Protein backbone atom coordinates (compact mmCIF):
# COMPACT_ATOMS: atom_id res chain seq x y z
CA MET A 1 0.00 0.00 0.00
CA LYS A 2 2.79 2.35 0.93
CA ASN A 3 4.64 1.62 -2.34
CA LYS A 4 1.49 2.38 -4.35
CA LYS A 5 1.10 5.76 -2.69
CA SER A 6 4.75 6.51 -3.40
CA ARG A 7 4.30 5.66 -7.09
CA ASP A 8 1.19 7.80 -7.32
CA LYS A 9 3.05 10.70 -5.77
CA ARG A 10 5.89 10.36 -8.29
CA ARG A 11 3.41 10.22 -11.16
CA THR A 12 1.69 13.35 -9.94
CA SER A 13 5.02 15.14 -9.60
CA LEU A 14 6.06 14.11 -13.12
CA PHE A 15 2.71 15.24 -14.52
CA ILE A 16 3.03 18.61 -12.83
CA PHE A 17 6.61 19.02 -14.05
CA PHE A 18 5.52 18.03 -17.57
CA CYS A 19 2.72 20.61 -17.54
CA ILE A 20 5.10 23.30 -16.33
CA PHE A 21 7.59 22.39 -19.03
CA ILE A 22 4.91 22.55 -21.76
CA PHE A 23 3.67 25.89 -20.44
CA ILE A 24 7.19 27.42 -20.40
CA ALA A 25 8.08 26.07 -23.86
CA ALA A 26 4.84 27.34 -25.37
CA GLY A 27 5.41 30.75 -23.84
CA LEU A 28 8.97 30.96 -25.17
CA PHE A 29 7.95 30.00 -28.68
CA ALA A 30 5.14 32.51 -28.66
CA TYR A 31 7.47 35.27 -27.40
CA PHE A 32 10.19 34.66 -30.00
CA ALA A 33 7.65 34.29 -32.82
CA PHE A 34 6.12 37.64 -31.86
CA LYS A 35 9.56 39.30 -31.80
CA LYS A 36 10.52 37.79 -35.20
CA ILE A 37 13.58 36.15 -33.68
CA GLU A 38 14.77 32.72 -34.76
CA PHE A 39 14.90 30.38 -31.76
CA ASN A 40 16.83 27.15 -31.47
CA PRO A 41 15.30 24.97 -28.69
CA ALA A 42 18.30 22.62 -28.57
CA GLU A 43 20.71 25.48 -27.98
CA PHE A 44 18.38 27.01 -25.40
CA PHE A 45 18.10 23.93 -23.23
CA ASN A 46 21.72 22.80 -23.70
CA ASN A 47 23.26 26.15 -22.78
CA SER A 48 22.79 28.49 -19.90
CA SER A 49 22.54 31.46 -22.30
CA PRO A 50 20.23 30.98 -25.28
CA GLN A 51 21.68 31.86 -28.70
CA VAL A 52 19.24 33.87 -30.76
CA THR A 53 19.67 35.25 -34.24
CA GLN A 54 17.85 38.35 -35.46
CA ARG A 55 15.83 37.57 -38.55
CA PRO A 56 17.20 39.70 -41.42
CA GLU A 57 14.83 42.22 -42.94
CA GLU A 58 13.91 41.51 -46.55
CA PRO A 59 15.06 44.23 -48.95
CA ALA A 60 12.31 46.42 -50.30
CA ALA A 61 11.47 45.74 -53.91
CA ALA A 62 11.90 48.60 -56.36
CA ASP A 63 8.55 49.99 -57.50
CA ASP A 64 9.79 51.31 -60.85
CA GLU A 65 12.82 52.29 -62.88
CA ASP A 66 13.13 55.58 -60.96
CA ALA A 67 14.21 53.77 -57.79
CA ALA A 68 17.72 54.41 -56.52
CA PRO A 69 20.36 52.23 -58.19
CA PRO A 70 21.81 49.31 -56.24
CA GLN A 71 25.21 49.99 -54.77
CA ASP A 72 26.83 47.22 -56.77
CA GLU A 73 25.64 48.55 -60.12
CA THR A 74 28.94 48.70 -61.98
CA ASP A 75 27.92 47.66 -65.51
CA GLU A 76 29.03 49.37 -68.73
CA TYR A 77 26.28 52.02 -68.67
CA ALA A 78 26.74 53.03 -65.03
CA ALA A 79 30.46 53.52 -65.65
CA VAL A 80 29.75 56.49 -67.95
CA PRO A 81 30.21 59.77 -66.01
CA PHE A 82 26.91 61.27 -67.19
CA TYR A 83 24.86 58.10 -66.71
CA LEU A 84 21.34 58.68 -65.34
CA HIS A 85 19.79 55.69 -63.60
CA GLU A 86 16.23 56.72 -64.41
CA LYS A 87 17.07 56.35 -68.12
CA ARG A 88 18.68 52.92 -67.76
CA SER A 89 15.95 50.97 -69.56
CA ARG A 90 16.08 53.50 -72.41
CA TYR A 91 19.83 53.00 -72.80
CA ILE A 92 19.29 49.27 -73.14
CA SER A 93 16.46 49.63 -75.67
CA TYR A 94 18.31 52.21 -77.77
CA HIS A 95 21.49 50.11 -77.71
CA ALA A 96 19.54 47.16 -79.04
CA MET A 97 18.41 49.31 -81.98
CA ARG A 98 21.87 50.87 -82.52
CA PRO A 99 24.33 48.10 -81.60
CA THR A 100 27.25 49.66 -83.50
CA LEU A 101 27.33 52.76 -81.28
CA GLY A 102 29.70 52.94 -78.32
CA ILE A 103 28.37 52.91 -74.76
CA GLU A 104 29.22 56.57 -74.10
CA THR A 105 27.46 57.61 -77.32
CA ILE A 106 24.42 55.54 -76.39
CA VAL A 107 24.20 57.29 -73.01
CA TRP A 108 24.49 60.86 -74.25
CA HIS A 109 22.18 60.21 -77.21
CA VAL A 110 19.45 59.03 -74.83
CA ASN A 111 20.15 61.90 -72.43
CA ALA A 112 19.65 64.23 -75.41
CA ASP A 113 16.37 62.46 -76.36
CA LEU A 114 17.82 61.30 -79.69
CA HIS A 115 16.12 57.94 -79.21
CA LEU A 116 12.80 59.76 -79.72
CA THR A 117 11.19 60.99 -82.96
CA MET A 118 11.95 64.61 -83.74
CA PHE A 119 8.98 66.99 -83.46
CA GLU A 120 6.48 64.15 -82.88
CA ASP A 121 7.75 63.33 -79.37
CA ALA A 122 8.52 66.90 -78.31
CA LYS A 123 7.54 68.08 -74.85
CA ILE A 124 6.21 71.58 -74.21
CA LEU A 125 8.56 73.73 -72.15
CA ASP A 126 7.21 75.62 -69.15
CA ASP A 127 10.39 77.42 -68.09
CA GLU A 128 10.42 81.23 -68.18
CA ASN A 129 13.90 81.27 -69.73
CA PRO A 130 14.52 77.93 -71.47
CA LEU A 131 18.02 77.22 -72.71
CA LEU A 132 17.32 74.34 -75.07
CA VAL A 133 14.70 74.76 -77.79
CA ASN A 134 14.94 72.03 -80.40
CA PRO A 135 12.89 69.28 -82.11
CA PHE A 136 12.36 67.62 -78.70
CA ASN A 137 11.60 70.77 -76.69
CA ARG A 138 9.01 73.23 -77.96
CA LEU A 139 7.81 76.57 -76.68
CA PRO A 140 4.12 77.11 -76.01
CA GLU A 141 2.25 79.52 -78.26
CA THR A 142 1.87 81.92 -75.34
CA TYR A 143 5.60 82.13 -74.57
CA GLU A 144 7.17 85.59 -74.46
CA PRO A 145 10.67 86.55 -73.26
CA ALA A 146 10.66 88.52 -70.02
CA GLU A 147 12.29 91.53 -71.71
CA LEU A 148 13.22 92.50 -75.23
CA VAL A 149 15.32 95.44 -76.44
CA GLU A 150 16.20 96.81 -79.87
CA VAL A 151 19.48 95.60 -81.30
CA ASP A 152 19.58 97.83 -84.40
CA SER A 153 17.93 100.84 -86.02
CA TYR A 154 15.40 98.61 -87.78
CA GLY A 155 13.75 97.73 -84.48
CA ARG A 156 14.83 94.10 -84.37
CA LEU A 157 14.51 92.73 -80.85
CA VAL A 158 16.65 90.49 -78.62
CA THR A 159 17.04 89.92 -74.90
CA PRO A 160 19.21 92.50 -73.05
CA GLU A 161 22.02 89.98 -72.48
CA THR A 162 22.02 89.03 -76.16
CA ARG A 163 22.26 92.66 -77.26
CA THR A 164 25.18 93.39 -74.94
CA ALA A 165 27.04 90.30 -76.14
CA PHE A 166 26.35 91.07 -79.81
CA PHE A 167 27.67 94.61 -79.50
CA LEU A 168 30.89 93.26 -77.99
CA LEU A 169 31.20 90.70 -80.80
CA ARG A 170 30.54 93.35 -83.46
CA ASP A 171 33.11 95.72 -81.97
CA ALA A 172 35.71 92.95 -81.87
CA ILE A 173 35.19 91.84 -85.48
CA ARG A 174 35.37 95.45 -86.67
CA LEU A 175 38.80 95.73 -85.08
CA GLU A 176 39.86 92.94 -87.48
CA GLY A 177 38.58 94.91 -90.47
CA TYR A 178 35.38 92.91 -90.94
CA ASP A 179 31.75 93.63 -90.15
CA VAL A 180 28.46 91.82 -89.46
CA SER A 181 24.96 92.97 -88.65
CA VAL A 182 21.71 91.40 -87.52
CA GLN A 183 19.44 90.20 -90.32
CA SER A 184 16.86 88.41 -88.14
CA ALA A 185 16.28 88.27 -84.39
CA TYR A 186 13.21 87.72 -82.20
CA ARG A 187 10.17 86.24 -83.94
CA THR A 188 6.68 85.77 -82.59
CA TYR A 189 4.91 82.43 -82.75
CA GLU A 190 2.59 83.77 -85.44
CA TYR A 191 5.44 85.15 -87.56
CA GLN A 192 7.27 81.82 -87.39
CA ALA A 193 4.08 79.99 -88.38
CA GLY A 194 3.87 82.14 -91.51
CA LEU A 195 7.51 81.45 -92.42
CA TYR A 196 7.01 77.74 -91.95
CA GLU A 197 3.88 77.69 -94.08
CA ARG A 198 5.57 79.58 -96.90
CA SER A 199 8.54 77.19 -96.78
CA GLY A 200 6.24 74.27 -97.46
CA GLY A 201 7.79 72.27 -94.61
CA SER A 202 11.08 72.01 -96.45
CA GLY A 203 13.02 71.27 -93.24
CA THR A 204 15.06 74.47 -93.41
CA VAL A 205 12.53 76.50 -91.40
CA ALA A 206 11.51 75.46 -87.88
CA PRO A 207 7.82 74.90 -87.19
CA PRO A 208 6.23 77.44 -84.81
CA GLY A 209 7.23 76.73 -81.22
CA PHE A 210 10.47 75.07 -82.30
CA SER A 211 12.38 78.18 -83.35
CA GLU A 212 15.14 79.63 -81.19
CA HIS A 213 14.26 83.05 -82.58
CA HIS A 214 11.18 82.89 -80.37
CA THR A 215 13.46 83.10 -77.30
CA GLY A 216 15.08 86.39 -78.32
CA ARG A 217 18.55 84.84 -77.94
CA ALA A 218 19.16 83.84 -81.57
CA VAL A 219 20.30 86.13 -84.40
CA ASP A 220 20.98 85.55 -88.07
CA LEU A 221 24.06 87.45 -89.22
CA TRP A 222 24.41 89.51 -92.36
CA GLY A 223 27.81 89.80 -93.99
CA PRO A 224 29.17 91.83 -96.92
CA GLY A 225 27.70 89.37 -99.43
CA GLY A 226 24.33 88.85 -97.75
CA LEU A 227 23.30 86.19 -95.24
CA LEU A 228 26.62 85.04 -93.76
CA ASP A 229 28.10 82.18 -95.84
CA ASN A 230 24.70 81.20 -97.17
CA ASP A 231 26.16 79.70 -100.35
CA PRO A 232 27.61 76.22 -99.60
CA GLY A 233 29.25 76.23 -103.04
CA LYS A 234 31.59 79.02 -102.04
CA PRO A 235 34.45 78.90 -99.53
CA PRO A 236 33.68 80.48 -96.15
CA SER A 237 34.14 84.23 -95.87
CA ASN A 238 36.62 85.90 -93.54
CA GLU A 239 33.65 87.07 -91.46
CA GLY A 240 32.26 83.55 -91.27
CA ILE A 241 35.60 82.09 -90.24
CA TRP A 242 36.08 84.76 -87.58
CA VAL A 243 32.59 84.23 -86.14
CA ALA A 244 33.03 80.45 -86.01
CA ASN A 245 36.38 80.77 -84.24
CA ASN A 246 35.58 83.61 -81.85
CA CYS A 247 31.86 83.84 -81.06
CA HIS A 248 32.30 81.67 -77.96
CA ARG A 249 34.30 84.47 -76.36
CA PHE A 250 31.10 86.51 -76.19
CA GLY A 251 28.70 83.78 -75.07
CA PHE A 252 27.50 82.72 -78.55
CA ILE A 253 27.64 79.41 -80.38
CA VAL A 254 27.08 78.53 -84.03
CA ARG A 255 23.89 76.69 -83.21
CA TYR A 256 23.61 74.44 -86.28
CA PRO A 257 27.10 73.20 -87.20
CA ALA A 258 27.91 71.20 -90.31
CA GLY A 259 27.16 67.49 -90.21
CA ALA A 260 25.04 67.67 -87.04
CA ASP A 261 21.53 67.80 -88.50
CA HIS A 262 20.79 64.34 -87.05
CA ILE A 263 21.34 65.92 -83.63
CA THR A 264 20.00 69.47 -84.02
CA GLY A 265 17.29 68.72 -86.58
CA TYR A 266 18.53 71.39 -89.00
CA PRO A 267 21.21 71.62 -91.72
CA TYR A 268 24.34 73.73 -91.42
CA GLU A 269 23.60 77.42 -90.79
CA PRO A 270 26.84 79.36 -90.31
CA TRP A 271 24.86 82.62 -90.01
CA HIS A 272 22.70 81.47 -87.06
CA ILE A 273 24.30 82.13 -83.66
CA THR A 274 22.63 81.74 -80.27
CA TYR A 275 23.49 83.36 -76.97
CA VAL A 276 23.97 80.71 -74.25
CA GLY A 277 26.25 82.65 -71.89
CA GLU A 278 30.02 82.67 -71.71
CA GLU A 279 30.26 79.84 -69.17
CA ILE A 280 28.57 77.36 -71.50
CA SER A 281 30.04 78.68 -74.78
CA ASN A 282 33.60 78.58 -73.41
CA ALA A 283 33.09 75.13 -71.89
CA MET A 284 31.84 73.83 -75.24
CA HIS A 285 34.88 75.32 -76.94
CA VAL A 286 37.33 73.78 -74.45
CA GLN A 287 35.62 70.37 -74.62
CA ASN A 288 35.40 70.60 -78.43
CA ILE A 289 31.64 69.94 -78.34
CA LEU A 290 29.81 71.50 -81.27
CA THR A 291 26.13 71.10 -80.37
CA LEU A 292 24.21 72.32 -77.36
CA GLU A 293 22.39 68.98 -77.28
CA GLU A 294 25.59 66.99 -76.73
CA PHE A 295 26.96 69.44 -74.17
CA LEU A 296 23.81 69.38 -72.02
CA ALA A 297 23.51 65.59 -72.36
CA LYS A 298 27.06 65.23 -71.02
CA ASN A 299 26.47 67.82 -68.28
CA PRO A 300 23.01 66.84 -66.97
CA GLY A 301 23.35 69.08 -63.91
CA ILE A 302 22.98 72.22 -66.04
CA LYS A 303 19.43 73.54 -66.19
CA LYS A 304 18.03 73.35 -69.70
């Protein structure tokens, strides 16, 4: 009888111990599951100090191509100094269409929107003083320069900065024994529309909204023989050579250089110069970059 009571007592003690064990284990699992911590029961019960490992957070998935680039992105596109991550997919698509072009050319072409269709894919500019007006960037019909001033006795208009720069250029070329004057300057949207219509869309006259003359920063130069070097069958004039070599000193560029119509959208116009400011014109000269499109594509930090 005494042995039976002793066995019953041991069974009761074991049952109580078992219940306590189950209760503690369940509590621990619940606690670590709630805290998102990985728990190893064997290590916990075999060591006085449990070893726990923090569950690593899963990296957030990128929502779109504008997400920040991964730190290990070191491919051929990202190695280009003027690479823009948000245009990455466009680089790849354009490269597939133009596989013979080098990587650096692919990048700046896309930065300059050359992967798009001229005029058809143009966006409307909303800046008060836009720098780049071309077949991919058009001015709204309502655009007007903030201020215009007369640049000659015929009442032709340009922006104040353009007039100051032109006078300096004209004074300098006169010191060399040559001379130029302004043949065309600021044009309204309506005036440009009339020119374009009369041209029959020949490609030599910009459609309304696409002309730099609308900004008041572009002038067509007149030389001794008429529109400066307008005859491609003749060698360039002394005036034309001087303007091409020196206009950057005064903040101007020859806006439509020879052989760049696939970039600018227009054939060679040695008479058409545009005021972009001395910082940009001198930088283009030093870097030997002929078009504003290429320069801005390779210097994406400059406001267009």
